[in-house]
Amino acid sequence: MRDLTSTLGTAPRDAGSFVTWIMHTLRIVSMRRQSRLDLGRLDDRLLRDVGLDPASANAECSRHFWQD
């Protein structure tokens, strides 16, 4: 299982790069959250259209924001 650290690496040491890294991290977390919320709103027919079954979609929606 990959987590946020393995996806983004460790935070840089200088202040400018650190701020950029934080903004990038927040953007990724926000996109994951929104994608999982959107996935949770799909009905069974739409899930089948994208090649997912309800159990797989539910498992993805249940993941924490730091999990890739």
C-alpha atoms as a PDB file:
ATOM      1  CA  MET A   1       0.000   0.000   0.000  1.00  0.00           C
ATOM      2  CA  ARG A   2       1.382   3.394  -0.967  1.00  0.00           C
ATOM      3  CA  ASP A   3       0.855   6.434   1.204  1.00  0.00           C
ATOM      4  CA  LEU A   4       1.305  10.149   0.683  1.00  0.00           C
ATOM      5  CA  THR A   5       5.006  10.088   1.575  1.00  0.00           C
ATOM      6  CA  SER A   6       5.792   7.446  -1.023  1.00  0.00           C
ATOM      7  CA  THR A   7       3.819   9.381  -3.618  1.00  0.00           C
ATOM      8  CA  LEU A   8       5.313  12.804  -2.959  1.00  0.00           C
ATOM      9  CA  GLY A   9       8.638  11.998  -1.345  1.00  0.00           C
ATOM     10  CA  THR A  10       9.990  13.802   1.671  1.00  0.00           C
ATOM     11  CA  ALA A  11       9.578  17.521   2.200  1.00  0.00           C
ATOM     12  CA  PRO A  12      12.415  19.735   0.948  1.00  0.00           C
ATOM     13  CA  ARG A  13      14.531  21.674   3.440  1.00  0.00           C
ATOM     14  CA  ASP A  14      14.471  25.198   1.973  1.00  0.00           C
ATOM     15  CA  ALA A  15      11.431  27.399   2.683  1.00  0.00           C
ATOM     16  CA  GLY A  16      10.412  28.199  -0.905  1.00  0.00           C
ATOM     17  CA  SER A  17      10.491  24.599  -2.013  1.00  0.00           C
ATOM     18  CA  PHE A  18       8.701  23.542   1.166  1.00  0.00           C
ATOM     19  CA  VAL A  19       5.804  25.906   0.479  1.00  0.00           C
ATOM     20  CA  THR A  20       5.588  24.622  -3.082  1.00  0.00           C
ATOM     21  CA  TRP A  21       5.658  21.025  -1.813  1.00  0.00           C
ATOM     22  CA  ILE A  22       2.876  21.766   0.714  1.00  0.00           C
ATOM     23  CA  MET A  23       0.701  23.370  -1.977  1.00  0.00           C
ATOM     24  CA  HIS A  24       1.297  20.415  -4.294  1.00  0.00           C
ATOM     25  CA  THR A  25       0.453  17.973  -1.487  1.00  0.00           C
ATOM     26  CA  LEU A  26      -2.776  19.813  -0.647  1.00  0.00           C
ATOM     27  CA  ARG A  27      -3.760  19.831  -4.308  1.00  0.00           C
ATOM     28  CA  ILE A  28      -3.259  16.058  -4.591  1.00  0.00           C
ATOM     29  CA  VAL A  29      -5.164  15.380  -1.362  1.00  0.00           C
ATOM     30  CA  SER A  30      -8.021  17.578  -2.546  1.00  0.00           C
ATOM     31  CA  MET A  31      -8.176  15.843  -5.942  1.00  0.00           C
ATOM     32  CA  ARG A  32      -8.210  12.401  -4.294  1.00  0.00           C
ATOM     33  CA  ARG A  33     -10.979  13.453  -1.938  1.00  0.00           C
ATOM     34  CA  GLN A  34     -13.092  14.897  -4.745  1.00  0.00           C
ATOM     35  CA  SER A  35     -12.540  11.869  -6.990  1.00  0.00           C
ATOM     36  CA  ARG A  36     -13.607   9.502  -4.236  1.00  0.00           C
ATOM     37  CA  LEU A  37     -16.689  11.599  -3.455  1.00  0.00           C
ATOM     38  CA  ASP A  38     -17.607  11.606  -7.153  1.00  0.00           C
ATOM     39  CA  LEU A  39     -17.093   7.855  -7.390  1.00  0.00           C
ATOM     40  CA  GLY A  40     -19.370   7.343  -4.388  1.00  0.00           C
ATOM     41  CA  ARG A  41     -22.160   9.182  -6.179  1.00  0.00           C
ATOM     42  CA  LEU A  42     -22.220   6.860  -9.196  1.00  0.00           C
ATOM     43  CA  ASP A  43     -25.023   4.323  -9.432  1.00  0.00           C
ATOM     44  CA  ASP A  44     -24.424   0.657 -10.308  1.00  0.00           C
ATOM     45  CA  ARG A  45     -25.097   1.220 -14.018  1.00  0.00           C
ATOM     46  CA  LEU A  46     -22.517   3.994 -14.267  1.00  0.00           C
ATOM     47  CA  LEU A  47     -20.015   1.963 -12.265  1.00  0.00           C
ATOM     48  CA  ARG A  48     -20.391  -0.891 -14.753  1.00  0.00           C
ATOM     49  CA  ASP A  49     -19.874   1.602 -17.593  1.00  0.00           C
ATOM     50  CA  VAL A  50     -16.466   2.519 -16.179  1.00  0.00           C
ATOM     51  CA  GLY A  51     -15.597  -1.108 -15.455  1.00  0.00           C
ATOM     52  CA  LEU A  52     -16.081  -1.173 -11.685  1.00  0.00           C
ATOM     53  CA  ASP A  53     -18.307  -3.212  -9.442  1.00  0.00           C
ATOM     54  CA  PRO A  54     -19.990  -1.627  -6.384  1.00  0.00           C
ATOM     55  CA  ALA A  55     -17.685  -3.450  -3.946  1.00  0.00           C
ATOM     56  CA  SER A  56     -14.550  -2.088  -5.646  1.00  0.00           C
ATOM     57  CA  ALA A  57     -15.992   1.421  -5.733  1.00  0.00           C
ATOM     58  CA  ASN A  58     -16.929   1.199  -2.068  1.00  0.00           C
ATOM     59  CA  ALA A  59     -13.425   0.008  -1.182  1.00  0.00           C
ATOM     60  CA  GLU A  60     -11.892   2.957  -3.039  1.00  0.00           C
ATOM     61  CA  CYS A  61     -14.292   5.440  -1.415  1.00  0.00           C
ATOM     62  CA  SER A  62     -13.381   4.068   2.019  1.00  0.00           C
ATOM     63  CA  ARG A  63      -9.669   4.780   1.610  1.00  0.00           C
ATOM     64  CA  HIS A  64      -8.069   7.572   3.637  1.00  0.00           C
ATOM     65  CA  PHE A  65      -6.915  10.744   1.912  1.00  0.00           C
ATOM     66  CA  TRP A  66      -3.254   9.892   2.371  1.00  0.00           C
ATOM     67  CA  GLN A  67      -3.614   6.532   0.633  1.00  0.00           C
ATOM     68  CA  ASP A  68      -2.756   6.451  -3.050  1.00  0.00           C
END
